[in-house]
PDB file of N, CA and C in Angstrom:
ATOM      1  N   ALA A   1      -8.120 227.884  23.462  1.00  0.00           N
ATOM      2  CA  ALA A   1      -8.676 228.344  24.681  1.00  0.00           C
ATOM      3  C   ALA A   1      -8.764 227.190  25.646  1.00  0.00           C
ATOM      4  N   GLY A   2      -9.001 226.104  25.744  1.00  0.00           N
ATOM      5  CA  GLY A   2      -8.991 225.187  26.860  1.00  0.00           C
ATOM      6  C   GLY A   2      -7.617 224.616  27.178  1.00  0.00           C
ATOM      7  N   ALA A   3      -6.633 224.759  26.285  1.00  0.00           N
ATOM      8  CA  ALA A   3      -5.316 224.168  26.541  1.00  0.00           C
ATOM      9  C   ALA A   3      -4.471 225.068  27.434  1.00  0.00           C
ATOM     10  N   ALA A   4      -3.879 224.461  28.417  1.00  0.00           N
ATOM     11  CA  ALA A   4      -3.007 225.229  29.304  1.00  0.00           C
ATOM     12  C   ALA A   4      -1.690 225.493  28.581  1.00  0.00           C
ATOM     13  N   THR A   5      -1.211 226.689  28.698  1.00  0.00           N
ATOM     14  CA  THR A   5       0.081 226.995  28.083  1.00  0.00           C
ATOM     15  C   THR A   5       1.118 227.140  29.182  1.00  0.00           C
ATOM     16  N   THR A   6       2.291 226.621  28.910  1.00  0.00           N
ATOM     17  CA  THR A   6       3.380 226.774  29.872  1.00  0.00           C
ATOM     18  C   THR A   6       4.498 227.530  29.185  1.00  0.00           C
ATOM     19  N   ALA A   7       5.093 228.406  29.915  1.00  0.00           N
ATOM     20  CA  ALA A   7       6.198 229.191  29.365  1.00  0.00           C
ATOM     21  C   ALA A   7       7.374 228.261  29.137  1.00  0.00           C
ATOM     22  N   PRO A   8       8.128 228.456  28.063  1.00  0.00           N
ATOM     23  CA  PRO A   8       9.311 227.611  27.870  1.00  0.00           C
ATOM     24  C   PRO A   8      10.308 227.841  28.996  1.00  0.00           C
ATOM     25  N   ALA A   9      11.027 226.807  29.337  1.00  0.00           N
ATOM     26  CA  ALA A   9      12.011 226.935  30.416  1.00  0.00           C
ATOM     27  C   ALA A   9      13.042 227.987  30.024  1.00  0.00           C
ATOM     28  N   ALA A  10      13.304 228.888  30.926  1.00  0.00           N
ATOM     29  CA  ALA A  10      14.284 229.941  30.653  1.00  0.00           C
ATOM     30  C   ALA A  10      15.668 229.316  30.609  1.00  0.00           C
ATOM     31  N   LYS A  11      16.418 229.622  29.589  1.00  0.00           N
ATOM     32  CA  LYS A  11      17.780 229.097  29.478  1.00  0.00           C
ATOM     33  C   LYS A  11      18.690 230.055  30.226  1.00  0.00           C
ATOM     34  N   PRO A  12      19.403 229.561  31.237  1.00  0.00           N
ATOM     35  CA  PRO A  12      20.261 230.480  31.988  1.00  0.00           C
ATOM     36  C   PRO A  12      21.394 231.011  31.110  1.00  0.00           C
ATOM     37  N   ALA A  13      21.778 232.229  31.376  1.00  0.00           N
ATOM     38  CA  ALA A  13      22.856 232.854  30.606  1.00  0.00           C
ATOM     39  C   ALA A  13      24.166 232.101  30.828  1.00  0.00           C
ATOM     40  N   ALA A  14      24.352 231.575  32.021  1.00  0.00           N
ATOM     41  CA  ALA A  14      25.564 230.823  32.344  1.00  0.00           C
ATOM     42  C   ALA A  14      25.212 229.812  33.418  1.00  0.00           C
ATOM     43  N   ASP A  15      26.010 228.773  33.507  1.00  0.00           N
ATOM     44  CA  ASP A  15      25.806 227.818  34.587  1.00  0.00           C
ATOM     45  C   ASP A  15      25.957 228.545  35.913  1.00  0.00           C
ATOM     46  N   VAL A  16      25.164 228.149  36.881  1.00  0.00           N
ATOM     47  CA  VAL A  16      25.286 228.707  38.219  1.00  0.00           C
ATOM     48  C   VAL A  16      25.991 227.654  39.070  1.00  0.00           C
ATOM     49  N   PHE A  17      27.074 228.046  39.678  1.00  0.00           N
ATOM     50  CA  PHE A  17      27.849 227.123  40.493  1.00  0.00           C
ATOM     51  C   PHE A  17      27.634 227.431  41.968  1.00  0.00           C
ATOM     52  N   THR A  18      27.532 226.387  42.780  1.00  0.00           N
ATOM     53  CA  THR A  18      27.351 226.538  44.222  1.00  0.00           C
ATOM     54  C   THR A  18      28.356 225.637  44.932  1.00  0.00           C
ATOM     55  N   ALA A  19      28.369 225.710  46.243  1.00  0.00           N
ATOM     56  CA  ALA A  19      29.277 224.873  47.028  1.00  0.00           C
ATOM     57  C   ALA A  19      29.047 223.392  46.742  1.00  0.00           C
ATOM     58  N   ALA A  20      27.853 223.034  46.299  1.00  0.00           N
ATOM     59  CA  ALA A  20      27.559 221.633  45.980  1.00  0.00           C
ATOM     60  C   ALA A  20      28.367 221.152  44.774  1.00  0.00           C
ATOM     61  N   ASP A  21      28.929 222.073  43.998  1.00  0.00           N
ATOM     62  CA  ASP A  21      29.706 221.706  42.818  1.00  0.00           C
ATOM     63  C   ASP A  21      31.176 221.417  43.120  1.00  0.00           C
ATOM     64  N   VAL A  22      31.615 221.636  44.355  1.00  0.00           N
ATOM     65  CA  VAL A  22      33.015 221.360  44.704  1.00  0.00           C
ATOM     66  C   VAL A  22      33.301 219.887  44.420  1.00  0.00           C
ATOM     67  N   GLY A  23      34.390 219.645  43.692  1.00  0.00           N
ATOM     68  CA  GLY A  23      34.764 218.290  43.319  1.00  0.00           C
ATOM     69  C   GLY A  23      34.307 217.905  41.919  1.00  0.00           C
ATOM     70  N   LYS A  24      33.392 218.683  41.345  1.00  0.00           N
ATOM     71  CA  LYS A  24      32.899 218.390  39.998  1.00  0.00           C
ATOM     72  C   LYS A  24      33.913 218.836  38.956  1.00  0.00           C
ATOM     73  N   LYS A  25      33.769 218.301  37.745  1.00  0.00           N
ATOM     74  CA  LYS A  25      34.694 218.613  36.657  1.00  0.00           C
ATOM     75  C   LYS A  25      34.132 219.711  35.754  1.00  0.00           C
ATOM     76  N   VAL A  26      35.026 220.594  35.318  1.00  0.00           N
ATOM     77  CA  VAL A  26      34.672 221.648  34.371  1.00  0.00           C
ATOM     78  C   VAL A  26      35.798 221.788  33.353  1.00  0.00           C
ATOM     79  N   LYS A  27      35.487 222.469  32.259  1.00  0.00           N
ATOM     80  CA  LYS A  27      36.492 222.815  31.247  1.00  0.00           C
ATOM     81  C   LYS A  27      36.271 224.267  30.856  1.00  0.00           C
ATOM     82  N   CYS A  28      37.302 224.881  30.319  1.00  0.00           N
ATOM     83  CA  CYS A  28      37.168 226.240  29.804  1.00  0.00           C
ATOM     84  C   CYS A  28      36.296 226.221  28.558  1.00  0.00           C
ATOM     85  N   LYS A  29      35.461 227.239  28.420  1.00  0.00           N
ATOM     86  CA  LYS A  29      34.704 227.399  27.185  1.00  0.00           C
ATOM     87  C   LYS A  29      35.689 227.768  26.072  1.00  0.00           C
ATOM     88  N   PRO A  30      35.338 227.479  24.813  1.00  0.00           N
ATOM     89  CA  PRO A  30      36.245 227.811  23.706  1.00  0.00           C
ATOM     90  C   PRO A  30      36.646 229.282  23.721  1.00  0.00           C
ATOM     91  N   GLY A  31      37.928 229.534  23.511  1.00  0.00           N
ATOM     92  CA  GLY A  31      38.427 230.906  23.444  1.00  0.00           C
ATOM     93  C   GLY A  31      38.889 231.500  24.757  1.00  0.00           C
ATOM     94  N   VAL A  32      38.632 230.823  25.874  1.00  0.00           N
ATOM     95  CA  VAL A  32      39.046 231.337  27.182  1.00  0.00           C
ATOM     96  C   VAL A  32      40.539 231.086  27.357  1.00  0.00           C
ATOM     97  N   THR A  33      41.292 232.145  27.674  1.00  0.00           N
ATOM     98  CA  THR A  33      42.742 232.015  27.838  1.00  0.00           C
ATOM     99  C   THR A  33      43.268 232.746  29.073  1.00  0.00           C
ATOM    100  N   LYS A  34      42.374 233.339  29.868  1.00  0.00           N
ATOM    101  CA  LYS A  34      42.830 234.117  31.026  1.00  0.00           C
ATOM    102  C   LYS A  34      42.116 233.700  32.303  1.00  0.00           C
ATOM    103  N   PHE A  35      42.854 233.798  33.393  1.00  0.00           N
ATOM    104  CA  PHE A  35      42.287 233.575  34.718  1.00  0.00           C
ATOM    105  C   PHE A  35      41.445 234.786  35.117  1.00  0.00           C
ATOM    106  N   ALA A  36      40.737 234.670  36.233  1.00  0.00           N
ATOM    107  CA  ALA A  36      39.861 235.744  36.697  1.00  0.00           C
ATOM    108  C   ALA A  36      40.629 237.042  36.948  1.00  0.00           C
ATOM    109  N   ASN A  37      41.911 236.949  37.311  1.00  0.00           N
ATOM    110  CA  ASN A  37      42.693 238.157  37.588  1.00  0.00           C
ATOM    111  C   ASN A  37      43.318 238.754  36.325  1.00  0.00           C
ATOM    112  N   GLY A  38      43.030 238.144  35.157  1.00  0.00           N
ATOM    113  CA  GLY A  38      43.562 238.654  33.898  1.00  0.00           C
ATOM    114  C   GLY A  38      44.864 238.026  33.453  1.00  0.00           C
ATOM    115  N   ALA A  39      45.472 237.191  34.319  1.00  0.00           N
ATOM    116  CA  ALA A  39      46.727 236.535  33.948  1.00  0.00           C
ATOM    117  C   ALA A  39      46.462 235.498  32.859  1.00  0.00           C
ATOM    118  N   LYS A  40      47.413 235.398  31.925  1.00  0.00           N
ATOM    119  CA  LYS A  40      47.265 234.439  30.826  1.00  0.00           C
ATOM    120  C   LYS A  40      47.479 233.024  31.343  1.00  0.00           C
ATOM    121  N   MET A  41      46.615 232.115  30.905  1.00  0.00           N
ATOM    122  CA  MET A  41      46.747 230.708  31.277  1.00  0.00           C
ATOM    123  C   MET A  41      47.878 230.067  30.476  1.00  0.00           C
ATOM    124  N   LEU A  42      48.562 229.099  31.065  1.00  0.00           N
ATOM    125  CA  LEU A  42      49.498 228.282  30.301  1.00  0.00           C
ATOM    126  C   LEU A  42      48.686 227.513  29.265  1.00  0.00           C
ATOM    127  N   ASP A  43      49.311 227.132  28.178  1.00  0.00           N
ATOM    128  CA  ASP A  43      48.600 226.526  27.049  1.00  0.00           C
ATOM    129  C   ASP A  43      47.775 225.289  27.409  1.00  0.00           C
ATOM    130  N   PHE A  44      48.222 224.522  28.406  1.00  0.00           N
ATOM    131  CA  PHE A  44      47.496 223.289  28.720  1.00  0.00           C
ATOM    132  C   PHE A  44      46.192 223.542  29.462  1.00  0.00           C
ATOM    133  N   VAL A  45      46.072 224.668  30.157  1.00  0.00           N
ATOM    134  CA  VAL A  45      44.923 224.890  31.034  1.00  0.00           C
ATOM    135  C   VAL A  45      43.592 224.933  30.269  1.00  0.00           C
ATOM    136  N   PRO A  46      43.474 225.699  29.176  1.00  0.00           N
ATOM    137  CA  PRO A  46      42.170 225.735  28.494  1.00  0.00           C
ATOM    138  C   PRO A  46      41.721 224.374  27.957  1.00  0.00           C
ATOM    139  N   LYS A  47      42.659 223.451  27.747  1.00  0.00           N
ATOM    140  CA  LYS A  47      42.315 222.127  27.212  1.00  0.00           C
ATOM    141  C   LYS A  47      42.094 221.097  28.317  1.00  0.00           C
ATOM    142  N   ALA A  48      42.502 221.418  29.529  1.00  0.00           N
ATOM    143  CA  ALA A  48      42.491 220.443  30.621  1.00  0.00           C
ATOM    144  C   ALA A  48      41.110 220.302  31.253  1.00  0.00           C
ATOM    145  N   THR A  49      40.876 219.117  31.802  1.00  0.00           N
ATOM    146  CA  THR A  49      39.718 218.929  32.674  1.00  0.00           C
ATOM    147  C   THR A  49      40.144 219.447  34.039  1.00  0.00           C
ATOM    148  N   LEU A  50      39.333 220.322  34.611  1.00  0.00           N
ATOM    149  CA  LEU A  50      39.660 220.953  35.891  1.00  0.00           C
ATOM    150  C   LEU A  50      38.639 220.533  36.940  1.00  0.00           C
ATOM    151  N   TYR A  51      39.081 220.473  38.177  1.00  0.00           N
ATOM    152  CA  TYR A  51      38.201 220.133  39.293  1.00  0.00           C
ATOM    153  C   TYR A  51      37.916 221.388  40.099  1.00  0.00           C
ATOM    154  N   ILE A  52      36.654 221.599  40.433  1.00  0.00           N
ATOM    155  CA  ILE A  52      36.289 222.744  41.274  1.00  0.00           C
ATOM    156  C   ILE A  52      36.709 222.427  42.700  1.00  0.00           C
ATOM    157  N   ARG A  53      37.539 223.293  43.262  1.00  0.00           N
ATOM    158  CA  ARG A  53      38.008 223.093  44.638  1.00  0.00           C
ATOM    159  C   ARG A  53      37.285 224.024  45.602  1.00  0.00           C
ATOM    160  N   ALA A  54      36.805 225.169  45.093  1.00  0.00           N
ATOM    161  CA  ALA A  54      36.051 226.097  45.925  1.00  0.00           C
ATOM    162  C   ALA A  54      35.222 226.991  45.014  1.00  0.00           C
ATOM    163  N   VAL A  55      34.094 227.450  45.539  1.00  0.00           N
ATOM    164  CA  VAL A  55      33.231 228.390  44.830  1.00  0.00           C
ATOM    165  C   VAL A  55      33.250 229.675  45.641  1.00  0.00           C
ATOM    166  N   GLU A  56      33.635 230.774  44.994  1.00  0.00           N
ATOM    167  CA  GLU A  56      33.828 232.040  45.700  1.00  0.00           C
ATOM    168  C   GLU A  56      32.952 233.138  45.101  1.00  0.00           C
ATOM    169  N   GLN A  57      32.823 234.215  45.857  1.00  0.00           N
ATOM    170  CA  GLN A  57      32.090 235.417  45.425  1.00  0.00           C
ATOM    171  C   GLN A  57      30.693 235.079  44.912  1.00  0.00           C
ATOM    172  N   GLY A  58      29.983 234.256  45.670  1.00  0.00           N
ATOM    173  CA  GLY A  58      28.608 233.936  45.319  1.00  0.00           C
ATOM    174  C   GLY A  58      28.468 233.169  44.020  1.00  0.00           C
ATOM    175  N   GLY A  59      29.498 232.389  43.682  1.00  0.00           N
ATOM    176  CA  GLY A  59      29.431 231.580  42.478  1.00  0.00           C
ATOM    177  C   GLY A  59      30.034 232.225  41.248  1.00  0.00           C
ATOM    178  N   LYS A  60      30.582 233.420  41.387  1.00  0.00           N
ATOM    179  CA  LYS A  60      31.164 234.112  40.227  1.00  0.00           C
ATOM    180  C   LYS A  60      32.588 233.646  39.909  1.00  0.00           C
ATOM    181  N   ILE A  61      33.289 233.177  40.933  1.00  0.00           N
ATOM    182  CA  ILE A  61      34.687 232.752  40.785  1.00  0.00           C
ATOM    183  C   ILE A  61      34.806 231.298  41.244  1.00  0.00           C
ATOM    184  N   LEU A  62      35.543 230.510  40.460  1.00  0.00           N
ATOM    185  CA  LEU A  62      35.814 229.129  40.851  1.00  0.00           C
ATOM    186  C   LEU A  62      37.311 228.961  41.055  1.00  0.00           C
ATOM    187  N   LEU A  63      37.680 228.327  42.143  1.00  0.00           N
ATOM    188  CA  LEU A  63      39.067 227.953  42.381  1.00  0.00           C
ATOM    189  C   LEU A  63      39.191 226.541  41.815  1.00  0.00           C
ATOM    190  N   VAL A  64      40.049 226.387  40.811  1.00  0.00           N
ATOM    191  CA  VAL A  64      40.129 225.108  40.108  1.00  0.00           C
ATOM    192  C   VAL A  64      41.530 224.523  40.168  1.00  0.00           C
ATOM    193  N   SER A  65      41.595 223.211  39.928  1.00  0.00           N
ATOM    194  CA  SER A  65      42.867 222.506  39.928  1.00  0.00           C
ATOM    195  C   SER A  65      42.806 221.370  38.923  1.00  0.00           C
ATOM    196  N   THR A  66      43.948 221.042  38.351  1.00  0.00           N
ATOM    197  CA  THR A  66      44.020 219.861  37.495  1.00  0.00           C
ATOM    198  C   THR A  66      44.097 218.609  38.355  1.00  0.00           C
ATOM    199  N   GLU A  67      44.368 218.769  39.634  1.00  0.00           N
ATOM    200  CA  GLU A  67      44.457 217.650  40.573  1.00  0.00           C
ATOM    201  C   GLU A  67      43.165 217.576  41.376  1.00  0.00           C
ATOM    202  N   LYS A  68      42.638 216.368  41.532  1.00  0.00           N
ATOM    203  CA  LYS A  68      41.369 216.233  42.237  1.00  0.00           C
ATOM    204  C   LYS A  68      41.509 216.461  43.740  1.00  0.00           C
ATOM    205  N   THR A  69      42.631 216.047  44.325  1.00  0.00           N
ATOM    206  CA  THR A  69      42.727 216.107  45.778  1.00  0.00           C
ATOM    207  C   THR A  69      43.952 216.807  46.348  1.00  0.00           C
ATOM    208  N   LYS A  70      45.028 216.940  45.589  1.00  0.00           N
ATOM    209  CA  LYS A  70      46.222 217.575  46.152  1.00  0.00           C
ATOM    210  C   LYS A  70      45.942 219.022  46.532  1.00  0.00           C
ATOM    211  N   LYS A  71      46.791 219.595  47.365  1.00  0.00           N
ATOM    212  CA  LYS A  71      46.601 220.984  47.790  1.00  0.00           C
ATOM    213  C   LYS A  71      47.201 221.961  46.800  1.00  0.00           C
ATOM    214  N   VAL A  72      47.198 221.601  45.537  1.00  0.00           N
ATOM    215  CA  VAL A  72      47.750 222.450  44.481  1.00  0.00           C
ATOM    216  C   VAL A  72      46.584 223.005  43.687  1.00  0.00           C
ATOM    217  N   TYR A  73      46.633 224.303  43.430  1.00  0.00           N
ATOM    218  CA  TYR A  73      45.566 224.931  42.660  1.00  0.00           C
ATOM    219  C   TYR A  73      46.115 225.439  41.340  1.00  0.00           C
ATOM    220  N   THR A  74      45.305 225.350  40.297  1.00  0.00           N
ATOM    221  CA  THR A  74      45.701 225.874  38.999  1.00  0.00           C
ATOM    222  C   THR A  74      45.425 227.374  38.957  1.00  0.00           C
ATOM    223  N   GLY A  75      44.312 227.808  39.541  1.00  0.00           N
ATOM    224  CA  GLY A  75      44.003 229.230  39.588  1.00  0.00           C
ATOM    225  C   GLY A  75      42.534 229.499  39.804  1.00  0.00           C
ATOM    226  N   ARG A  76      42.207 230.779  39.826  1.00  0.00           N
ATOM    227  CA  ARG A  76      40.820 231.211  39.957  1.00  0.00           C
ATOM    228  C   ARG A  76      40.321 231.622  38.580  1.00  0.00           C
ATOM    229  N   VAL A  77      39.132 231.130  38.224  1.00  0.00           N
ATOM    230  CA  VAL A  77      38.564 231.412  36.910  1.00  0.00           C
ATOM    231  C   VAL A  77      37.178 232.011  37.082  1.00  0.00           C
ATOM    232  N   ASN A  78      36.758 232.780  36.091  1.00  0.00           N
ATOM    233  CA  ASN A  78      35.392 233.293  36.088  1.00  0.00           C
ATOM    234  C   ASN A  78      34.444 232.119  35.810  1.00  0.00           C
ATOM    235  N   ALA A  79      33.436 231.965  36.638  1.00  0.00           N
ATOM    236  CA  ALA A  79      32.485 230.866  36.457  1.00  0.00           C
ATOM    237  C   ALA A  79      31.846 230.925  35.073  1.00  0.00           C
ATOM    238  N   ALA A  80      31.621 232.129  34.557  1.00  0.00           N
ATOM    239  CA  ALA A  80      30.987 232.275  33.250  1.00  0.00           C
ATOM    240  C   ALA A  80      31.866 231.740  32.113  1.00  0.00           C
ATOM    241  N   ASP A  81      33.169 231.562  32.389  1.00  0.00           N
ATOM    242  CA  ASP A  81      34.098 231.042  31.374  1.00  0.00           C
ATOM    243  C   ASP A  81      34.185 229.519  31.375  1.00  0.00           C
ATOM    244  N   MET A  82      33.465 228.879  32.289  1.00  0.00           N
ATOM    245  CA  MET A  82      33.568 227.425  32.451  1.00  0.00           C
ATOM    246  C   MET A  82      32.305 226.728  31.985  1.00  0.00           C
ATOM    247  N   GLN A  83      32.486 225.475  31.593  1.00  0.00           N
ATOM    248  CA  GLN A  83      31.340 224.629  31.276  1.00  0.00           C
ATOM    249  C   GLN A  83      31.517 223.306  31.990  1.00  0.00           C
ATOM    250  N   ARG A  84      30.408 222.721  32.377  1.00  0.00           N
ATOM    251  CA  ARG A  84      30.464 221.440  33.083  1.00  0.00           C
ATOM    252  C   ARG A  84      30.894 220.333  32.129  1.00  0.00           C
ATOM    253  N   VAL A  85      31.569 219.331  32.686  1.00  0.00           N
ATOM    254  CA  VAL A  85      32.025 218.175  31.892  1.00  0.00           C
ATOM    255  C   VAL A  85      31.121 217.009  32.204  1.00  0.00           C
TER     256      VAL A  85
END
């Protein structure tokens, strides 16, 4: 009774990505093999370190690239399929 109790920090179901994450590195979570549109990724993509180039649809979709600065994009991925590096 005199001790204050604090609720444990809620663990988010998935990382939340915002425009502040542009330029940060992410990787595919284990088992992810498809882009957001359902297209199969080339074998190197799930193993690659990817750079967030844009955050779309309120953080649900990330436009990613294996290149940090070139105007080349690898594809759009579901944010829930990514983990921060």
